PDB file of all heavy atoms in Angstrom:
ATOM      1  N   ILE A   1       0.824  -1.212   0.000  1.00  0.00           N
ATOM      2  CA  ILE A   1       0.000   0.000   0.000  1.00  0.00           C
ATOM      3  C   ILE A   1       0.855   1.257   0.000  1.00  0.00           C
ATOM      4  O   ILE A   1       1.786   1.393   0.795  1.00  0.00           O
ATOM      5  CB  ILE A   1      -0.897   0.038   1.264  1.00  0.00           C
ATOM      6  CG1 ILE A   1      -1.694  -1.249   1.421  1.00  0.00           C
ATOM      7  CG2 ILE A   1      -1.812   1.245   1.248  1.00  0.00           C
ATOM      8  CD1 ILE A   1      -2.148  -1.496   2.854  1.00  0.00           C
ATOM      9  N   ASP A   2       0.509   2.184  -0.865  1.00  0.00           N
ATOM     10  CA  ASP A   2       0.980   3.560  -0.751  1.00  0.00           C
ATOM     11  C   ASP A   2      -0.267   4.430  -0.661  1.00  0.00           C
ATOM     12  O   ASP A   2      -0.934   4.673  -1.664  1.00  0.00           O
ATOM     13  CB  ASP A   2       1.833   3.977  -1.953  1.00  0.00           C
ATOM     14  CG  ASP A   2       2.554   5.298  -1.706  1.00  0.00           C
ATOM     15  OD1 ASP A   2       2.140   6.041  -0.801  1.00  0.00           O
ATOM     16  OD2 ASP A   2       3.532   5.591  -2.419  1.00  0.00           O
ATOM     17  N   PRO A   3      -0.622   4.879   0.537  1.00  0.00           N
ATOM     18  CA  PRO A   3      -1.891   5.596   0.700  1.00  0.00           C
ATOM     19  C   PRO A   3      -1.922   6.946  -0.006  1.00  0.00           C
ATOM     20  O   PRO A   3      -3.000   7.451  -0.317  1.00  0.00           O
ATOM     21  CB  PRO A   3      -2.019   5.758   2.211  1.00  0.00           C
ATOM     22  CG  PRO A   3      -0.639   5.615   2.742  1.00  0.00           C
ATOM     23  CD  PRO A   3       0.063   4.674   1.819  1.00  0.00           C
ATOM     24  N   LEU A   4      -0.757   7.548  -0.246  1.00  0.00           N
ATOM     25  CA  LEU A   4      -0.709   8.793  -1.011  1.00  0.00           C
ATOM     26  C   LEU A   4       0.645   8.852  -1.707  1.00  0.00           C
ATOM     27  O   LEU A   4       1.648   9.277  -1.136  1.00  0.00           O
ATOM     28  CB  LEU A   4      -0.907  10.024  -0.114  1.00  0.00           C
ATOM     29  CG  LEU A   4      -1.447  11.303  -0.793  1.00  0.00           C
ATOM     30  CD1 LEU A   4      -1.763  12.373   0.256  1.00  0.00           C
ATOM     31  CD2 LEU A   4      -0.491  11.870  -1.831  1.00  0.00           C
ATOM     32  N   ASP A   5       0.671   8.381  -2.942  1.00  0.00           N
ATOM     33  CA  ASP A   5       1.886   8.408  -3.755  1.00  0.00           C
ATOM     34  C   ASP A   5       1.946   9.764  -4.457  1.00  0.00           C
ATOM     35  O   ASP A   5       1.004  10.166  -5.123  1.00  0.00           O
ATOM     36  CB  ASP A   5       1.847   7.276  -4.785  1.00  0.00           C
ATOM     37  CG  ASP A   5       3.081   7.254  -5.668  1.00  0.00           C
ATOM     38  OD1 ASP A   5       4.149   7.669  -5.195  1.00  0.00           O
ATOM     39  OD2 ASP A   5       2.968   6.826  -6.830  1.00  0.00           O
ATOM     40  N   GLY A   6       3.072  10.452  -4.292  1.00  0.00           N
ATOM     41  CA  GLY A   6       3.178  11.791  -4.863  1.00  0.00           C
ATOM     42  C   GLY A   6       2.818  12.855  -3.851  1.00  0.00           C
ATOM     43  O   GLY A   6       2.157  13.840  -4.189  1.00  0.00           O
ATOM     44  N   THR A   7       3.249  12.651  -2.603  1.00  0.00           N
ATOM     45  CA  THR A   7       2.940  13.645  -1.572  1.00  0.00           C
ATOM     46  C   THR A   7       3.500  15.016  -1.944  1.00  0.00           C
ATOM     47  O   THR A   7       2.877  16.050  -1.672  1.00  0.00           O
ATOM     48  CB  THR A   7       3.486  13.190  -0.203  1.00  0.00           C
ATOM     49  OG1 THR A   7       2.908  11.925   0.136  1.00  0.00           O
ATOM     50  CG2 THR A   7       3.145  14.194   0.887  1.00  0.00           C
ATOM     51  N   LYS A   8       4.674  15.031  -2.592  1.00  0.00           N
ATOM     52  CA  LYS A   8       5.248  16.314  -3.020  1.00  0.00           C
ATOM     53  C   LYS A   8       4.316  17.020  -4.004  1.00  0.00           C
ATOM     54  O   LYS A   8       4.153  18.241  -3.951  1.00  0.00           O
ATOM     55  CB  LYS A   8       6.621  16.098  -3.649  1.00  0.00           C
ATOM     56  CG  LYS A   8       7.702  15.672  -2.662  1.00  0.00           C
ATOM     57  CD  LYS A   8       9.040  15.487  -3.363  1.00  0.00           C
ATOM     58  CE  LYS A   8      10.116  15.052  -2.380  1.00  0.00           C
ATOM     59  NZ  LYS A   8      11.417  14.826  -3.040  1.00  0.00           N
ATOM     60  N   GLU A   9       3.713  16.258  -4.912  1.00  0.00           N
ATOM     61  CA  GLU A   9       2.761  16.833  -5.862  1.00  0.00           C
ATOM     62  C   GLU A   9       1.548  17.387  -5.107  1.00  0.00           C
ATOM     63  O   GLU A   9       1.053  18.486  -5.395  1.00  0.00           O
ATOM     64  CB  GLU A   9       2.297  15.770  -6.863  1.00  0.00           C
ATOM     65  CG  GLU A   9       3.406  15.050  -7.623  1.00  0.00           C
ATOM     66  CD  GLU A   9       3.984  15.899  -8.722  1.00  0.00           C
ATOM     67  OE1 GLU A   9       3.359  16.899  -9.115  1.00  0.00           O
ATOM     68  OE2 GLU A   9       5.088  15.560  -9.193  1.00  0.00           O
ATOM     69  N   PHE A  10       1.078  16.611  -4.138  1.00  0.00           N
ATOM     70  CA  PHE A  10      -0.082  17.005  -3.345  1.00  0.00           C
ATOM     71  C   PHE A  10       0.194  18.293  -2.579  1.00  0.00           C
ATOM     72  O   PHE A  10      -0.618  19.230  -2.593  1.00  0.00           O
ATOM     73  CB  PHE A  10      -0.436  15.866  -2.381  1.00  0.00           C
ATOM     74  CG  PHE A  10      -1.614  16.143  -1.496  1.00  0.00           C
ATOM     75  CD1 PHE A  10      -2.900  16.147  -1.994  1.00  0.00           C
ATOM     76  CD2 PHE A  10      -1.426  16.397  -0.138  1.00  0.00           C
ATOM     77  CE1 PHE A  10      -3.988  16.397  -1.171  1.00  0.00           C
ATOM     78  CE2 PHE A  10      -2.506  16.656   0.692  1.00  0.00           C
ATOM     79  CZ  PHE A  10      -3.787  16.650   0.173  1.00  0.00           C
ATOM     80  N   VAL A  11       1.340  18.352  -1.913  1.00  0.00           N
ATOM     81  CA  VAL A  11       1.701  19.531  -1.128  1.00  0.00           C
ATOM     82  C   VAL A  11       1.849  20.755  -2.028  1.00  0.00           C
ATOM     83  O   VAL A  11       1.490  21.880  -1.648  1.00  0.00           O
ATOM     84  CB  VAL A  11       2.996  19.273  -0.336  1.00  0.00           C
ATOM     85  CG1 VAL A  11       3.513  20.546   0.312  1.00  0.00           C
ATOM     86  CG2 VAL A  11       2.769  18.190   0.724  1.00  0.00           C
ATOM     87  N   ALA A  12       2.351  20.540  -3.255  1.00  0.00           N
ATOM     88  CA  ALA A  12       2.568  21.647  -4.193  1.00  0.00           C
ATOM     89  C   ALA A  12       1.275  22.127  -4.845  1.00  0.00           C
ATOM     90  O   ALA A  12       1.288  23.090  -5.612  1.00  0.00           O
ATOM     91  CB  ALA A  12       3.557  21.232  -5.269  1.00  0.00           C
ATOM     92  N   GLY A  13       0.156  21.448  -4.556  1.00  0.00           N
ATOM     93  CA  GLY A  13      -1.123  21.868  -5.107  1.00  0.00           C
ATOM     94  C   GLY A  13      -1.456  21.276  -6.459  1.00  0.00           C
ATOM     95  O   GLY A  13      -2.441  21.672  -7.087  1.00  0.00           O
ATOM     96  N   ARG A  14      -0.651  20.307  -6.904  1.00  0.00           N
ATOM     97  CA  ARG A  14      -0.922  19.675  -8.193  1.00  0.00           C
ATOM     98  C   ARG A  14      -1.860  18.482  -8.019  1.00  0.00           C
ATOM     99  O   ARG A  14      -2.074  17.994  -6.908  1.00  0.00           O
ATOM    100  CB  ARG A  14       0.391  19.259  -8.871  1.00  0.00           C
ATOM    101  CG  ARG A  14       1.226  20.450  -9.328  1.00  0.00           C
ATOM    102  CD  ARG A  14       2.405  20.011 -10.166  1.00  0.00           C
ATOM    103  NE  ARG A  14       3.477  19.453  -9.356  1.00  0.00           N
ATOM    104  CZ  ARG A  14       4.536  20.138  -8.923  1.00  0.00           C
ATOM    105  NH1 ARG A  14       4.645  21.429  -9.193  1.00  0.00           N
ATOM    106  NH2 ARG A  14       5.478  19.547  -8.213  1.00  0.00           N
ATOM    107  N   ASP A  15      -2.396  17.986  -9.140  1.00  0.00           N
ATOM    108  CA  ASP A  15      -3.426  16.949  -9.102  1.00  0.00           C
ATOM    109  C   ASP A  15      -2.905  15.536  -9.348  1.00  0.00           C
ATOM    110  O   ASP A  15      -3.669  14.581  -9.224  1.00  0.00           O
ATOM    111  CB  ASP A  15      -4.512  17.252 -10.142  1.00  0.00           C
ATOM    112  CG  ASP A  15      -5.356  18.462  -9.761  1.00  0.00           C
ATOM    113  OD1 ASP A  15      -5.371  18.819  -8.563  1.00  0.00           O
ATOM    114  OD2 ASP A  15      -5.990  19.040 -10.666  1.00  0.00           O
ATOM    115  N   GLU A  16      -1.639  15.381  -9.712  1.00  0.00           N
ATOM    116  CA  GLU A  16      -1.128  14.060 -10.078  1.00  0.00           C
ATOM    117  C   GLU A  16      -0.528  13.350  -8.871  1.00  0.00           C
ATOM    118  O   GLU A  16       0.683  13.155  -8.758  1.00  0.00           O
ATOM    119  CB  GLU A  16      -0.120  14.189 -11.219  1.00  0.00           C
ATOM    120  CG  GLU A  16      -0.796  14.551 -12.529  1.00  0.00           C
ATOM    121  CD  GLU A  16       0.179  14.743 -13.665  1.00  0.00           C
ATOM    122  OE1 GLU A  16       1.363  15.022 -13.392  1.00  0.00           O
ATOM    123  OE2 GLU A  16      -0.235  14.623 -14.823  1.00  0.00           O
ATOM    124  N   PHE A  17      -1.403  12.963  -7.963  1.00  0.00           N
ATOM    125  CA  PHE A  17      -1.051  12.093  -6.843  1.00  0.00           C
ATOM    126  C   PHE A  17      -2.013  10.920  -6.876  1.00  0.00           C
ATOM    127  O   PHE A  17      -3.114  11.018  -7.444  1.00  0.00           O
ATOM    128  CB  PHE A  17      -1.111  12.839  -5.511  1.00  0.00           C
ATOM    129  CG  PHE A  17      -2.440  13.501  -5.242  1.00  0.00           C
ATOM    130  CD1 PHE A  17      -3.482  12.801  -4.648  1.00  0.00           C
ATOM    131  CD2 PHE A  17      -2.658  14.820  -5.607  1.00  0.00           C
ATOM    132  CE1 PHE A  17      -4.714  13.411  -4.413  1.00  0.00           C
ATOM    133  CE2 PHE A  17      -3.877  15.437  -5.368  1.00  0.00           C
ATOM    134  CZ  PHE A  17      -4.904  14.734  -4.770  1.00  0.00           C
ATOM    135  N   THR A  18      -1.623   9.805  -6.289  1.00  0.00           N
ATOM    136  CA  THR A  18      -2.423   8.590  -6.410  1.00  0.00           C
ATOM    137  C   THR A  18      -2.530   7.846  -5.085  1.00  0.00           C
ATOM    138  O   THR A  18      -1.757   8.059  -4.153  1.00  0.00           O
ATOM    139  CB  THR A  18      -1.836   7.615  -7.451  1.00  0.00           C
ATOM    140  OG1 THR A  18      -0.503   7.245  -7.056  1.00  0.00           O
ATOM    141  CG2 THR A  18      -1.804   8.239  -8.836  1.00  0.00           C
ATOM    142  N   VAL A  19      -3.514   6.956  -5.037  1.00  0.00           N
ATOM    143  CA  VAL A  19      -3.645   5.956  -3.981  1.00  0.00           C
ATOM    144  C   VAL A  19      -3.345   4.616  -4.629  1.00  0.00           C
ATOM    145  O   VAL A  19      -3.992   4.251  -5.629  1.00  0.00           O
ATOM    146  CB  VAL A  19      -5.060   5.948  -3.370  1.00  0.00           C
ATOM    147  CG1 VAL A  19      -5.158   4.887  -2.274  1.00  0.00           C
ATOM    148  CG2 VAL A  19      -5.434   7.318  -2.838  1.00  0.00           C
ATOM    149  N   ASN A  20      -2.365   3.893  -4.098  1.00  0.00           N
ATOM    150  CA  ASN A  20      -1.923   2.640  -4.719  1.00  0.00           C
ATOM    151  C   ASN A  20      -2.142   1.459  -3.784  1.00  0.00           C
ATOM    152  O   ASN A  20      -1.678   1.490  -2.633  1.00  0.00           O
ATOM    153  CB  ASN A  20      -0.421   2.694  -5.044  1.00  0.00           C
ATOM    154  CG  ASN A  20      -0.038   3.858  -5.931  1.00  0.00           C
ATOM    155  OD1 ASN A  20      -0.873   4.429  -6.632  1.00  0.00           O
ATOM    156  ND2 ASN A  20       1.232   4.208  -5.914  1.00  0.00           N
ATOM    157  N   VAL A  21      -2.822   0.434  -4.272  1.00  0.00           N
ATOM    158  CA  VAL A  21      -2.990  -0.807  -3.517  1.00  0.00           C
ATOM    159  C   VAL A  21      -2.703  -1.979  -4.441  1.00  0.00           C
ATOM    160  O   VAL A  21      -3.249  -2.052  -5.553  1.00  0.00           O
ATOM    161  CB  VAL A  21      -4.414  -0.940  -2.928  1.00  0.00           C
ATOM    162  CG1 VAL A  21      -4.609  -2.326  -2.305  1.00  0.00           C
ATOM    163  CG2 VAL A  21      -4.666   0.132  -1.881  1.00  0.00           C
ATOM    164  N   ALA A  22      -1.843  -2.873  -3.987  1.00  0.00           N
ATOM    165  CA  ALA A  22      -1.529  -4.083  -4.752  1.00  0.00           C
ATOM    166  C   ALA A  22      -1.721  -5.304  -3.863  1.00  0.00           C
ATOM    167  O   ALA A  22      -1.535  -5.237  -2.648  1.00  0.00           O
ATOM    168  CB  ALA A  22      -0.094  -4.041  -5.269  1.00  0.00           C
ATOM    169  N   LEU A  23      -2.093  -6.407  -4.489  1.00  0.00           N
ATOM    170  CA  LEU A  23      -2.071  -7.711  -3.838  1.00  0.00           C
ATOM    171  C   LEU A  23      -0.933  -8.493  -4.478  1.00  0.00           C
ATOM    172  O   LEU A  23      -0.929  -8.696  -5.702  1.00  0.00           O
ATOM    173  CB  LEU A  23      -3.396  -8.444  -4.021  1.00  0.00           C
ATOM    174  CG  LEU A  23      -3.427  -9.894  -3.526  1.00  0.00           C
ATOM    175  CD1 LEU A  23      -3.259  -9.961  -2.005  1.00  0.00           C
ATOM    176  CD2 LEU A  23      -4.731 -10.588  -3.947  1.00  0.00           C
ATOM    177  N   VAL A  24       0.034  -8.888  -3.678  1.00  0.00           N
ATOM    178  CA  VAL A  24       1.222  -9.594  -4.164  1.00  0.00           C
ATOM    179  C   VAL A  24       1.152 -11.042  -3.705  1.00  0.00           C
ATOM    180  O   VAL A  24       0.886 -11.311  -2.524  1.00  0.00           O
ATOM    181  CB  VAL A  24       2.504  -8.931  -3.628  1.00  0.00           C
ATOM    182  CG1 VAL A  24       3.747  -9.657  -4.139  1.00  0.00           C
ATOM    183  CG2 VAL A  24       2.551  -7.451  -4.018  1.00  0.00           C
ATOM    184  N   THR A  25       1.384 -11.975  -4.616  1.00  0.00           N
ATOM    185  CA  THR A  25       1.408 -13.391  -4.275  1.00  0.00           C
ATOM    186  C   THR A  25       2.727 -13.993  -4.737  1.00  0.00           C
ATOM    187  O   THR A  25       3.115 -13.845  -5.899  1.00  0.00           O
ATOM    188  CB  THR A  25       0.234 -14.141  -4.917  1.00  0.00           C
ATOM    189  OG1 THR A  25      -1.000 -13.691  -4.316  1.00  0.00           O
ATOM    190  CG2 THR A  25       0.351 -15.647  -4.700  1.00  0.00           C
ATOM    191  N   ASN A  26       3.431 -14.612  -3.810  1.00  0.00           N
ATOM    192  CA  ASN A  26       4.734 -15.223  -4.088  1.00  0.00           C
ATOM    193  C   ASN A  26       5.699 -14.241  -4.762  1.00  0.00           C
ATOM    194  O   ASN A  26       6.420 -14.601  -5.694  1.00  0.00           O
ATOM    195  CB  ASN A  26       4.558 -16.484  -4.947  1.00  0.00           C
ATOM    196  CG  ASN A  26       3.762 -17.565  -4.233  1.00  0.00           C
ATOM    197  OD1 ASN A  26       3.868 -17.725  -3.018  1.00  0.00           O
ATOM    198  ND2 ASN A  26       2.947 -18.301  -4.970  1.00  0.00           N
ATOM    199  N   GLY A  27       5.671 -13.000  -4.297  1.00  0.00           N
ATOM    200  CA  GLY A  27       6.610 -11.997  -4.774  1.00  0.00           C
ATOM    201  C   GLY A  27       6.213 -11.264  -6.031  1.00  0.00           C
ATOM    202  O   GLY A  27       6.911 -10.336  -6.445  1.00  0.00           O
ATOM    203  N   ILE A  28       5.079 -11.630  -6.643  1.00  0.00           N
ATOM    204  CA  ILE A  28       4.661 -11.034  -7.914  1.00  0.00           C
ATOM    205  C   ILE A  28       3.336 -10.284  -7.723  1.00  0.00           C
ATOM    206  O   ILE A  28       2.363 -10.872  -7.233  1.00  0.00           O
ATOM    207  CB  ILE A  28       4.480 -12.111  -9.002  1.00  0.00           C
ATOM    208  CG1 ILE A  28       5.766 -12.924  -9.163  1.00  0.00           C
ATOM    209  CG2 ILE A  28       4.080 -11.472 -10.324  1.00  0.00           C
ATOM    210  CD1 ILE A  28       6.975 -12.119  -9.586  1.00  0.00           C
TER     211      ILE A  28
END
């Protein structure tokens, strides 16, 4: 999980930040 990817973008007032969630199985 990255709950807020692009915090620098967010702090700078830009719109290109994301919420990232992955399910990984056996390293992939």
